[in-house]
Protein backbone atom coordinates (compact mmCIF):
# COMPACT_ATOMS: atom_id res chain seq x y z
CA MET A 1 -12.01 23.26 -18.58
CA MET A 2 -9.01 22.16 -20.71
CA GLU A 3 -8.19 23.69 -23.37
CA LYS A 4 -8.78 22.67 -26.87
CA ASN A 5 -4.56 22.21 -27.88
CA ALA A 6 -4.39 20.23 -24.63
CA PHE A 7 -3.77 17.16 -26.90
CA ALA A 8 -0.03 17.18 -26.89
CA ASP A 9 -0.57 15.15 -23.65
CA VAL A 10 -2.64 12.64 -25.30
CA GLU A 11 -1.28 9.02 -25.85
CA SER A 12 -4.38 6.87 -25.75
CA VAL A 13 -8.33 7.73 -26.19
CA ASP A 14 -10.30 4.57 -23.56
CA ARG A 15 -13.57 4.88 -22.44
CA GLN A 16 -13.18 3.28 -19.61
CA SER A 17 -10.60 5.54 -17.92
CA LEU A 18 -12.23 8.24 -16.37
CA GLY A 19 -14.63 5.33 -14.06
CA PRO A 20 -13.16 5.16 -10.63
CA PRO A 21 -12.54 2.09 -9.19
CA GLU A 22 -14.80 0.28 -7.81
CA THR A 23 -12.73 -1.15 -4.93
CA LEU A 24 -12.45 2.01 -3.37
CA ASP A 25 -14.41 3.83 -1.21
CA ALA A 26 -16.54 7.23 -2.17
CA ALA A 27 -13.90 9.31 -0.40
CA ALA A 28 -10.61 7.86 -2.06
CA ALA A 29 -12.92 7.73 -5.55
CA GLN A 30 -13.51 11.30 -5.28
CA SER A 31 -9.79 12.33 -4.56
CA ASP A 32 -9.01 10.25 -7.54
CA GLN A 33 -11.33 11.46 -9.44
CA ARG A 34 -10.11 15.45 -8.78
CA LEU A 35 -6.86 14.41 -9.24
CA ARG A 36 -7.81 12.70 -12.70
CA GLU A 37 -9.10 15.69 -13.68
CA LEU A 38 -5.76 17.72 -12.71
CA GLY A 39 -3.79 15.18 -15.66
CA TYR A 40 -2.79 12.27 -13.39
CA LYS A 41 -3.68 8.67 -12.33
CA SER A 42 -3.33 8.00 -9.01
CA GLU A 43 -0.96 5.41 -7.96
CA PHE A 44 -0.84 5.51 -4.28
CA ASN A 45 -3.39 3.92 -1.70
CA ARG A 46 -5.12 6.21 -0.27
CA ASP A 47 -4.59 5.15 3.35
CA MET A 48 -4.43 8.43 5.60
CA SER A 49 -6.80 9.81 7.72
CA LEU A 50 -7.40 13.79 8.95
CA PHE A 51 -5.06 12.36 11.84
CA GLY A 52 -2.28 11.23 9.78
CA VAL A 53 -2.20 14.16 7.47
CA LEU A 54 -2.31 16.64 10.23
CA GLY A 55 0.14 14.79 11.96
CA ILE A 56 2.72 15.22 9.05
CA SER A 57 2.57 18.81 8.82
CA PHE A 58 2.87 18.90 12.82
CA CYS A 59 5.93 16.45 12.25
CA ALA A 60 7.72 18.64 9.53
CA ILE A 61 6.85 21.50 11.71
CA GLY A 62 8.41 19.97 15.08
CA ILE A 63 7.06 22.44 17.40
CA LEU A 64 8.99 21.07 20.45
CA THR A 65 11.95 20.50 18.32
CA GLY A 66 12.13 23.24 17.20
CA MET A 67 11.88 25.60 19.85
CA SER A 68 14.38 23.48 21.83
CA SER A 69 17.00 23.70 19.08
CA ALA A 70 16.24 27.17 18.20
CA PHE A 71 15.53 28.67 21.49
CA GLN A 72 19.32 30.47 22.11
CA THR A 73 18.97 31.69 19.43
CA GLY A 74 16.10 34.22 20.24
CA LEU A 75 17.66 33.90 24.41
CA PHE A 76 20.60 35.48 22.90
CA SER A 77 19.12 37.89 20.69
CA GLY A 78 16.58 40.31 22.23
CA GLY A 79 15.88 38.09 24.96
CA PRO A 80 12.81 37.03 26.46
CA LEU A 81 11.24 40.29 25.04
CA GLY A 82 12.25 39.15 21.46
CA LEU A 83 11.37 35.28 21.92
CA PHE A 84 7.85 35.99 23.38
CA TRP A 85 6.44 39.12 21.03
CA GLY A 86 8.62 37.57 18.11
CA TRP A 87 6.98 34.42 18.53
CA ASN A 88 3.29 35.49 18.31
CA ILE A 89 3.72 38.12 15.23
CA CYS A 90 5.61 35.51 13.67
CA SER A 91 2.65 32.67 14.17
CA LEU A 92 0.08 35.81 13.01
CA PHE A 93 2.33 35.84 9.93
CA MET A 94 2.61 32.19 9.18
CA LEU A 95 -0.48 31.60 9.57
CA LEU A 96 -1.74 34.21 6.89
CA ILE A 97 0.99 31.82 4.35
CA ALA A 98 -0.91 29.07 5.87
CA LEU A 99 -4.07 30.47 4.46
CA SER A 100 -2.89 31.39 1.44
CA LEU A 101 -1.19 27.96 0.94
CA ALA A 102 -4.83 26.36 1.76
CA GLU A 103 -6.47 27.90 -0.53
CA ILE A 104 -4.07 26.89 -3.43
CA CYS A 105 -4.06 22.97 -2.42
CA SER A 106 -7.51 22.59 -1.35
CA ALA A 107 -7.78 23.52 -5.58
CA TYR A 108 -4.81 21.45 -6.63
CA PRO A 109 -4.48 18.27 -4.16
CA THR A 110 -1.35 16.70 -5.59
CA MET A 111 2.28 15.63 -3.68
CA GLY A 112 4.07 18.15 -6.37
CA GLY A 113 2.52 20.51 -3.66
CA LEU A 114 4.47 24.45 -4.12
CA TYR A 115 5.86 23.08 -7.46
CA PHE A 116 3.02 22.25 -9.05
CA TRP A 117 0.88 24.84 -7.87
CA VAL A 118 3.02 27.16 -10.14
CA CYS A 119 3.24 25.41 -12.26
CA LYS A 120 -0.88 25.48 -12.81
CA MET A 121 -1.01 28.88 -12.20
CA LYS A 122 1.65 30.38 -14.67
CA PRO A 123 1.76 27.11 -17.29
CA GLU A 124 3.38 29.74 -19.79
CA THR A 125 6.07 29.61 -17.65
CA PRO A 126 7.74 26.45 -16.83
CA VAL A 127 10.98 27.87 -15.87
CA LEU A 128 9.39 29.16 -12.28
CA GLY A 129 7.45 25.79 -11.36
CA PHE A 130 11.35 23.93 -12.31
CA CYS A 131 12.67 26.40 -10.20
CA VAL A 132 10.27 26.33 -7.17
CA GLY A 133 10.41 22.09 -7.39
CA TRP A 134 13.99 21.92 -7.02
CA ILE A 135 14.71 24.56 -4.65
CA TYR A 136 12.53 23.40 -2.22
CA SER A 137 13.07 20.05 -2.84
CA ILE A 138 16.58 20.91 -2.39
CA ALA A 139 15.65 22.72 1.13
CA MET A 140 13.52 19.79 2.65
CA VAL A 141 16.45 17.37 1.94
CA PHE A 142 18.58 20.00 3.67
CA THR A 143 15.77 20.27 6.31
CA GLY A 144 15.87 16.31 7.07
CA THR A 145 19.66 16.57 7.06
CA SER A 146 19.70 19.20 9.42
CA GLY A 147 16.60 17.21 11.81
CA ASN A 148 19.10 13.91 11.65
CA LEU A 149 21.66 16.16 13.00
CA SER A 150 20.02 17.50 15.61
CA VAL A 151 18.87 14.05 17.09
CA ALA A 152 22.55 12.98 16.56
CA LEU A 153 23.44 16.41 19.13
CA TYR A 154 20.60 15.31 21.65
CA LEU A 155 22.42 12.20 21.81
CA ALA A 156 25.39 13.68 22.82
CA SER A 157 23.37 15.64 25.24
CA LEU A 158 22.21 12.80 26.65
CA ALA A 159 26.07 12.01 26.81
CA GLU A 160 27.12 14.34 28.80
CA VAL A 161 24.51 14.93 31.00
CA GLY A 162 24.23 11.42 32.05
CA GLN A 163 27.99 9.83 31.62
CA GLY A 164 29.66 13.46 31.76
CA ARG A 165 31.32 12.05 28.50
CA THR A 166 31.93 14.67 25.23
CA LEU A 167 31.64 13.10 22.04
CA THR A 168 33.62 14.28 19.30
CA ARG A 169 32.53 15.46 15.69
CA VAL A 170 33.55 12.53 14.08
CA GLU A 171 30.86 10.49 16.82
CA VAL A 172 28.38 12.91 16.13
CA ALA A 173 28.64 12.63 12.78
CA THR A 174 28.28 8.80 12.95
CA ILE A 175 25.45 9.52 14.57
CA ALA A 176 23.98 11.34 12.05
CA TRP A 177 24.53 8.42 9.22
CA GLY A 178 22.85 6.15 11.66
CA VAL A 179 19.63 8.22 11.66
CA ASN A 180 19.76 8.68 8.32
CA ILE A 181 19.88 5.26 7.26
CA ALA A 182 16.71 5.04 10.00
CA SER A 183 15.00 7.53 8.50
CA GLY A 184 15.39 6.25 5.18
CA ILE A 185 13.74 2.91 6.31
CA ILE A 186 10.51 4.54 7.95
CA ASN A 187 10.00 5.82 4.24
CA THR A 188 10.90 3.07 2.62
CA ILE A 189 8.25 0.69 4.42
CA GLY A 190 5.94 2.88 3.30
CA THR A 191 2.28 4.92 3.07
CA LYS A 192 0.97 3.22 6.81
CA ALA A 193 4.02 3.03 8.28
CA ILE A 194 4.19 6.86 7.82
CA GLY A 195 0.69 7.53 8.38
CA GLY A 196 0.73 5.81 12.00
CA MET A 197 4.08 7.49 12.87
CA SER A 198 2.78 10.84 12.28
CA SER A 199 -0.40 10.16 13.86
CA PHE A 200 1.73 9.05 16.86
CA ASN A 201 3.97 12.48 16.45
CA LEU A 202 0.66 14.35 17.15
CA TRP A 203 -0.16 12.58 20.27
CA TRP A 204 3.75 12.63 21.23
CA THR A 205 3.80 16.53 20.58
CA LEU A 206 1.01 17.48 22.71
CA GLY A 207 1.53 14.47 25.56
CA GLY A 208 5.64 15.92 25.56
CA THR A 209 4.72 19.13 25.90
CA LEU A 210 2.14 19.25 28.44
CA ALA A 211 5.21 16.61 31.10
CA LEU A 212 7.74 19.52 29.76
CA VAL A 213 5.69 22.16 31.29
CA VAL A 214 4.33 20.64 33.67
CA THR A 215 7.90 19.82 35.19
CA LEU A 216 9.71 22.89 34.21
CA LEU A 217 6.86 24.74 36.71
CA VAL A 218 7.09 22.33 39.29
CA LYS A 219 10.58 21.81 39.43
CA ALA A 220 12.12 24.92 38.75
CA PRO A 221 13.81 26.52 41.89
CA VAL A 222 13.01 30.02 41.35
CA LYS A 223 10.53 31.74 39.20
CA ASN A 224 10.84 34.49 37.16
CA SER A 225 8.80 37.84 37.22
CA ALA A 226 5.72 38.54 34.32
CA ALA A 227 7.83 41.86 34.08
CA PHE A 228 10.77 39.20 33.01
CA VAL A 229 9.02 37.38 30.38
CA PHE A 230 7.47 39.98 28.60
CA THR A 231 9.66 42.88 28.83
CA ASP A 232 13.71 41.73 29.61
CA TYR A 233 15.98 42.84 26.96
CA GLU A 234 18.85 40.97 26.18
CA ASN A 235 22.14 41.04 23.77
CA PHE A 236 24.92 38.51 22.90
CA THR A 237 25.41 39.27 19.77
CA GLY A 238 28.05 42.19 19.65
CA TRP A 239 25.25 44.58 17.66
CA GLN A 240 24.09 47.59 18.94
CA SER A 241 20.71 48.41 17.34
CA ARG A 242 18.06 47.19 19.66
CA GLY A 243 15.74 46.86 17.15
CA PHE A 244 18.04 44.99 14.77
CA VAL A 245 18.71 42.72 17.61
CA VAL A 246 15.26 41.87 18.35
CA LEU A 247 14.41 40.80 15.07
CA LEU A 248 17.43 38.71 14.78
CA GLY A 249 15.60 37.13 17.46
CA PHE A 250 12.56 36.74 15.37
CA LEU A 251 14.46 34.48 13.12
CA GLN A 252 13.63 31.36 15.99
CA ALA A 253 10.12 31.22 15.17
CA VAL A 254 10.29 31.39 11.54
CA TYR A 255 12.54 28.72 11.86
CA THR A 256 10.41 26.86 13.83
CA LEU A 257 7.07 27.46 12.26
CA GLU A 258 7.65 26.33 8.74
CA GLY A 259 6.65 22.99 7.22
CA CYS A 260 2.77 23.59 7.31
CA GLU A 261 2.91 23.06 3.59
CA THR A 262 4.31 19.52 3.76
CA ALA A 263 0.29 18.29 4.11
CA ALA A 264 0.20 18.42 0.43
CA GLN A 265 3.38 16.17 -0.22
CA VAL A 266 0.86 12.98 1.12
CA ALA A 267 -2.36 14.85 -0.64
CA GLU A 268 -2.59 11.66 -2.93
CA GLU A 269 -2.14 9.33 -0.38
CA ALA A 270 -5.10 10.63 1.64
CA LYS A 271 -8.81 10.52 1.40
CA ARG A 272 -10.83 13.82 0.50
CA ALA A 273 -7.47 15.03 -0.07
CA GLU A 274 -8.70 18.55 -1.41
CA ILE A 275 -10.59 18.86 2.32
CA LEU A 276 -7.77 17.09 4.35
CA ALA A 277 -4.69 18.67 3.00
CA PRO A 278 -5.65 22.30 3.52
CA LEU A 279 -7.21 21.44 7.02
CA ALA A 280 -4.06 20.47 8.12
CA VAL A 281 -2.04 23.00 6.27
CA VAL A 282 -4.11 25.68 8.52
CA GLY A 283 -4.27 23.72 11.05
CA SER A 284 -0.47 22.53 11.97
CA ILE A 285 -0.31 26.72 12.21
CA VAL A 286 -3.00 27.38 14.61
CA GLY A 287 -2.10 24.06 17.15
CA SER A 288 2.49 24.55 16.57
CA TRP A 289 1.00 28.67 17.78
CA LEU A 290 -0.71 27.53 20.67
CA ILE A 291 1.36 24.53 21.88
CA GLY A 292 4.59 26.95 21.45
CA LEU A 293 3.60 29.71 22.99
CA ALA A 294 3.17 27.20 26.11
CA TYR A 295 5.88 25.51 26.15
CA MET A 296 7.96 28.75 25.36
CA LEU A 297 6.45 30.30 28.64
CA ALA A 298 7.32 27.58 30.27
CA LEU A 299 11.12 27.96 29.13
CA LEU A 300 10.96 31.31 30.13
CA PHE A 301 9.22 31.11 33.43
CA SER A 302 11.71 28.44 34.13
CA VAL A 303 14.95 29.90 32.94
CA GLN A 304 17.50 30.07 36.03
CA SER A 305 20.89 32.20 33.99
CA ILE A 306 20.85 33.37 30.53
CA ALA A 307 24.57 33.24 30.84
CA SER A 308 24.78 30.23 32.05
CA VAL A 309 22.97 28.82 28.93
CA GLN A 310 25.26 31.21 26.83
CA ALA A 311 28.38 29.84 28.20
CA THR A 312 27.20 26.03 28.16
CA THR A 313 29.31 22.99 26.64
CA PHE A 314 26.38 20.96 26.14
CA ALA A 315 26.41 19.81 22.51
CA ILE A 316 22.28 21.67 22.71
CA PRO A 317 22.46 24.59 24.37
CA ILE A 318 18.61 24.14 25.79
CA ALA A 319 20.47 21.13 28.00
CA GLN A 320 21.74 23.56 30.22
CA LEU A 321 18.43 25.47 30.62
CA TYR A 322 16.64 22.10 31.79
CA GLN A 323 19.68 21.00 33.92
CA ASP A 324 19.84 24.29 35.44
CA ALA A 325 16.00 24.02 36.40
CA VAL A 326 15.09 20.78 36.95
CA GLY A 327 18.17 18.90 37.74
CA GLN A 328 19.68 16.19 36.18
CA LYS A 329 17.90 13.42 36.01
CA LEU A 330 14.66 15.33 34.96
CA THR A 331 17.14 16.99 32.17
CA LEU A 332 17.51 13.80 30.56
CA MET A 333 14.13 12.90 30.50
CA CYS A 334 13.24 16.21 28.71
CA LEU A 335 15.93 15.64 26.26
CA THR A 336 14.35 12.32 25.07
CA VAL A 337 11.42 13.64 24.84
CA VAL A 338 12.46 16.30 22.70
CA ALA A 339 14.98 14.09 20.61
CA LEU A 340 12.52 11.76 19.35
CA ALA A 341 10.12 14.35 18.55
CA GLN A 342 12.99 15.39 16.16
CA PHE A 343 13.74 12.33 14.33
CA MET A 344 10.05 11.75 13.74
CA ALA A 345 10.33 15.34 12.22
CA ALA A 346 13.70 14.68 10.41
CA VAL A 347 11.71 11.70 8.72
CA THR A 348 8.69 13.64 7.37
CA ALA A 349 11.25 15.68 5.57
CA PHE A 350 12.46 12.68 3.85
CA THR A 351 8.95 11.99 2.97
CA ALA A 352 8.64 15.24 1.64
CA SER A 353 11.71 15.02 -0.35
CA SER A 354 10.62 11.20 -1.86
CA ARG A 355 7.01 12.47 -2.97
CA LEU A 356 8.67 15.82 -4.41
CA PHE A 357 11.13 13.99 -6.77
CA TYR A 358 8.60 10.99 -7.52
CA ALA A 359 6.23 14.56 -8.56
CA LEU A 360 9.25 16.18 -10.56
CA ALA A 361 10.67 12.60 -12.49
CA ARG A 362 6.57 12.29 -13.46
CA ASP A 363 6.91 15.73 -15.26
CA ASN A 364 9.93 15.17 -16.98
CA ALA A 365 11.95 17.71 -14.54
CA LEU A 366 14.42 15.40 -13.00
CA PRO A 367 16.70 12.97 -14.66
CA MET A 368 16.07 8.93 -14.59
CA LYS A 369 12.56 9.30 -14.63
CA ARG A 370 11.33 5.51 -14.52
CA ASN A 371 13.59 5.22 -11.35
CA TYR A 372 12.36 7.93 -9.46
CA MET A 373 8.75 7.24 -10.18
CA ALA A 374 9.46 3.60 -8.93
CA LEU A 375 7.20 2.26 -5.84
CA ASN A 376 8.23 -0.80 -4.07
CA ARG A 377 5.39 -3.00 -2.46
CA PHE A 378 5.10 -0.63 0.13
CA GLN A 379 3.95 1.80 -2.26
CA ALA A 380 6.82 4.28 -1.29
CA PRO A 381 9.07 6.16 -4.10
CA TYR A 382 12.38 4.24 -2.62
CA TRP A 383 15.34 6.17 -4.89
CA GLY A 384 13.91 9.43 -3.83
CA VAL A 385 14.47 8.28 -0.32
CA TRP A 386 17.53 7.06 -0.71
CA THR A 387 18.75 9.75 -2.44
CA SER A 388 17.58 11.96 0.02
CA VAL A 389 19.18 9.81 2.49
CA LEU A 390 22.93 10.03 0.74
CA VAL A 391 22.60 13.32 0.51
CA GLY A 392 22.03 13.60 4.05
CA CYS A 393 24.98 11.57 4.97
CA ILE A 394 27.52 13.37 2.29
CA ILE A 395 26.29 16.93 3.80
CA SER A 396 26.64 15.39 7.71
CA CYS A 397 30.46 14.78 6.39
CA ALA A 398 30.86 18.85 6.32
CA TYR A 399 29.96 18.43 10.30
CA ILE A 400 33.47 17.04 10.62
CA GLY A 401 35.55 19.75 8.93
CA SER A 402 33.79 22.85 10.29
CA THR A 403 30.58 23.31 12.14
CA VAL A 404 30.27 26.78 10.30
CA ALA A 405 30.07 25.69 6.98
CA PHE A 406 27.63 22.88 7.83
CA ASN A 407 25.45 25.65 9.55
CA ALA A 408 25.99 27.71 6.43
CA ILE A 409 24.56 24.78 4.04
CA LEU A 410 21.75 24.19 6.23
CA SER A 411 20.59 27.73 7.43
CA SER A 412 20.11 27.76 3.47
CA ALA A 413 17.57 25.07 3.95
CA ALA A 414 14.94 28.14 6.34
CA ILE A 415 15.11 30.63 3.66
CA ALA A 416 14.86 28.32 0.59
CA VAL A 417 11.29 26.74 1.57
CA MET A 418 10.20 30.77 2.37
CA LEU A 419 11.28 31.46 -1.36
CA SER A 420 9.20 28.39 -2.44
CA TYR A 421 6.10 29.90 -0.37
CA LEU A 422 6.89 32.88 -2.16
CA GLN A 423 6.25 32.38 -5.70
CA PRO A 424 2.91 30.88 -5.81
CA ILE A 425 1.60 33.68 -3.40
CA ILE A 426 2.99 36.17 -5.92
CA ILE A 427 1.13 34.74 -8.44
CA ARG A 428 -1.98 34.69 -6.83
CA VAL A 429 -1.31 38.98 -5.45
CA PHE A 430 -0.24 39.71 -9.30
CA TRP A 431 -2.83 37.22 -11.39
CA PRO A 432 -5.92 36.79 -9.05
CA SER A 433 -8.21 36.09 -11.21
CA THR A 434 -6.33 34.05 -13.72
CA SER A 435 -4.34 32.26 -11.24
CA LEU A 436 -7.31 30.22 -9.72
CA PRO A 437 -9.98 29.95 -11.94
CA ASP A 438 -11.73 26.62 -9.96
CA ARG A 439 -11.80 26.99 -6.55
CA GLY A 440 -11.59 23.88 -3.91
CA PRO A 441 -13.61 23.28 -0.91
CA PHE A 442 -11.67 25.17 1.43
CA SER A 443 -12.03 28.78 -0.03
CA LEU A 444 -11.01 32.24 1.70
CA GLY A 445 -13.59 34.19 -0.46
CA ARG A 446 -13.47 37.48 -1.08
CA TRP A 447 -10.81 38.03 1.64
CA SER A 448 -8.12 35.78 -0.71
CA TRP A 449 -6.33 38.76 -2.21
CA ALA A 450 -6.35 40.51 1.05
CA VAL A 451 -4.80 37.54 2.63
CA ASN A 452 -2.35 36.80 0.01
CA PHE A 453 -0.86 40.27 -0.23
CA ALA A 454 -0.69 40.77 3.55
CA SER A 455 1.78 37.40 3.04
CA PHE A 456 3.32 38.43 0.24
CA LEU A 457 4.63 41.57 2.30
CA ASN A 458 5.82 39.33 5.03
CA MET A 459 7.76 37.30 3.66
CA ASN A 460 9.48 39.03 0.59
CA TYR A 461 12.94 39.09 1.72
CA ALA A 462 12.99 35.76 1.10
CA ILE A 463 15.10 35.59 -2.14
CA VAL A 464 18.15 37.76 -0.44
CA ALA A 465 19.44 34.99 0.95
CA ILE A 466 19.46 32.31 -0.94
CA GLY A 467 21.84 33.31 -3.82
CA VAL A 468 23.71 30.14 -4.15
CA VAL A 469 20.34 27.81 -4.47
CA ILE A 470 18.95 29.80 -7.04
CA LEU A 471 22.30 30.02 -9.27
CA LEU A 472 22.93 26.47 -8.84
CA VAL A 473 19.23 25.50 -9.99
CA GLY A 474 19.23 28.65 -12.60
CA LEU A 475 22.16 26.94 -14.28
CA CYS A 476 20.18 23.30 -14.21
CA TRP A 477 17.28 24.79 -15.67
CA LEU A 478 19.92 26.25 -18.19
CA ALA A 479 21.84 23.07 -18.71
CA TRP A 480 19.31 20.78 -18.97
CA GLY A 481 15.80 21.41 -17.75
CA ARG A 482 14.75 24.39 -20.71
CA PHE A 483 15.07 21.02 -22.98
CA ARG A 484 13.04 18.67 -21.06
CA PHE A 485 10.43 20.23 -19.10
CA LYS A 486 7.22 21.69 -20.49
CA GLY A 487 5.04 21.52 -17.40
CA PRO A 488 3.40 19.03 -16.02
CA VAL A 489 2.90 15.82 -17.98
CA ARG A 490 -0.97 14.14 -17.97
CA THR A 491 -0.62 9.97 -16.98
CA VAL A 492 -4.26 9.57 -17.23
CA SER A 493 -5.61 8.91 -20.68
CA ILE A 494 -8.81 10.48 -21.67
CA GLY A 495 -12.18 9.21 -22.71
CA LYS A 496 -14.32 9.73 -25.78
CA ASP A 497 -16.86 11.35 -23.79
CA SER A 498 -14.96 13.70 -21.76
CA VAL A 499 -13.13 14.76 -25.35
CA GLU A 500 -15.90 15.63 -26.95
CA ARG A 501 -17.02 17.33 -23.70
CA MET A 502 -13.66 19.89 -23.89
CA LEU A 503 -13.92 19.93 -27.82
CA GLY A 504 -17.94 20.44 -28.57
CA ASP A 505 -18.62 21.16 -32.01
CA ASP A 506 -14.80 20.70 -32.90
CA TRP A 507 -14.61 16.82 -32.15
CA ARG A 508 -14.40 14.98 -36.02
CA PHE A 509 -13.04 11.48 -35.13
CA GLY A 510 -11.22 9.51 -32.47
CA ALA A 511 -10.10 5.88 -32.72
CA VAL A 512 -7.06 3.01 -31.23
CA VAL A 513 -5.87 0.33 -32.99
CA SER A 514 -3.97 -2.15 -30.83
CA VAL A 515 -1.87 -4.64 -32.94
CA GLY A 516 0.69 -7.73 -31.57
CA PRO A 517 0.60 -10.31 -28.45
CA ASN A 518 0.78 -8.70 -25.11
CA ALA A 519 4.55 -8.54 -25.37
CA VAL A 520 4.55 -5.52 -27.76
CA LEU A 521 1.46 -3.06 -27.82
CA LEU A 522 1.30 -0.70 -30.19
CA ASP A 523 -1.65 2.35 -29.58
CA ILE A 524 -2.31 4.53 -32.40
CA SER A 525 -4.48 7.11 -31.50
CA VAL A 526 -5.66 9.67 -33.93
CA VAL A 527 -7.64 13.11 -33.40
CA ILE A 528 -9.00 15.69 -35.52
CA ILE A 529 -9.54 18.95 -34.74
CA GLY A 530 -11.24 20.79 -37.12
CA PRO A 531 -9.09 20.93 -40.18
CA SER A 532 -5.87 19.68 -37.96
CA ILE A 533 -5.56 16.07 -37.34
CA GLN A 534 -3.22 14.61 -34.51
CA ILE A 535 -1.46 11.44 -34.04
CA SER A 536 0.15 10.08 -31.21
CA MET A 537 1.65 6.70 -31.19
CA ARG A 538 3.37 4.19 -28.52
CA LYS A 539 5.36 1.38 -28.43
CA ALA A 540 4.88 -0.58 -25.08
CA LEU A 541 7.93 -3.43 -24.84
CA HIS A 542 7.72 -5.84 -21.64
CA GLY A 543 5.76 -3.26 -19.96
CA HIS A 544 7.44 -0.14 -20.99
CA TYR A 545 5.98 3.19 -23.06
CA GLN A 546 7.63 4.77 -25.10
CA ARG A 547 6.58 7.56 -27.32
CA SER A 548 7.63 6.86 -30.93
CA MET A 549 6.22 9.16 -33.11
CA ILE A 550 4.29 12.29 -32.86
CA VAL A 551 2.88 14.45 -35.63
CA PRO A 552 1.37 17.38 -34.14
CA GLU A 553 -0.53 18.55 -37.83
CA TYR A 554 -0.97 17.46 -40.95
């Protein structure tokens, strides 16, 4: 139930506004109704099915790509011992986090995702939502940029394995720019294209994993023993502490399993989002856990020489593992499978960032609101898409000068995502009764607090490694955000009957006056609440609305 002082956002009273459009089917109408209850009108076509939403999360996690790109991290930091046990331990913890996020997502199925959840659960502290929104948006742009560079590195490895040609940093960066632009083009085409791609990626991941596992286990000349796979310890880090080195190897699993929450970013484009989005959040982690485990075991049983992988000159170290195990031709096949999956994962990251930019602009948390809320004929927020592409191309330039600097920039993305996870979970732990008064269809019931607390214990380290991003976002809040952002802004008008239900005995009078031709329309809303009167006036000129006067009290 909305509070009685919620009329700061009321701009017009319209008896017809809460009725679902007759052209929508029942499922879409129900999701649109829930969105209106949260204060937003539906702007996107609901074209995504369960496979589309689930595929978005699978794309974002990118189990084949994350495992392949970061496999050497665990291999050199703890070896098979750290990789196997780290994967299962981290997968369990990530499942707990996914359950926590899914419960919130079911109650608040909007494309703002983590940002909107924090705003809704702690409305009296808008700075929390502002910072989460900006940090997570930056993380998604960085994640997409990292993925697109990884595509370029896989293509470079294909050239090295197939033709023996080593690409320069400039050539790799140029390919990354092209991949960034291709990601932007696909996202510009809109929801149907992204939904189709994500559904395809789901099957590509399943089929590709099966192909890689069978190829590695059948063609590897020497199969390692179970003792090697489950107990062998390796250390190429220079650190002496065995426990610390194994924990470093856990980072491979954490990096790989991030992205399940991306389903929330397309919640306003899915039918029955309050059910499909949380199912996708949890289902993507469970599926990735099992698929990743099968792929990891195949890699560990097939690796011929860890020292060879450590000493490789290939752009992607796992290319050396493939070549040692299956030969040149099949290595090209393996790299192609992973490269295509990596491209789809990177496209999804820009899908998430563009929707976040839209959500932030809608709530006055981002400059140039009208631009970032603009949709093209494909229902795509193209300003957010091409901002992501531009930033990605600029950051890719850092790779030319220093791979260390580039990796330092992008490594912050993984920690920034974990920090964004942390905020809503902290609220659920310390304010369990007030933060989620109305739960959605996906509920943890009496286990809710226990799951949230376990998730909190698992990830409270994240704030340590993201200091620079926090500082920049904090400065942005102080310089601009605190003057503009007050929390989520209603974009749906409220009918008189609904106002009466919310106000009860305090409702006295409501009226709408429209004056002038179509080009200039003046809407005046007068709401009397007990002894107070609130007047909201807005003027529309050529379809663009601007609030011109607000008298909060008489």
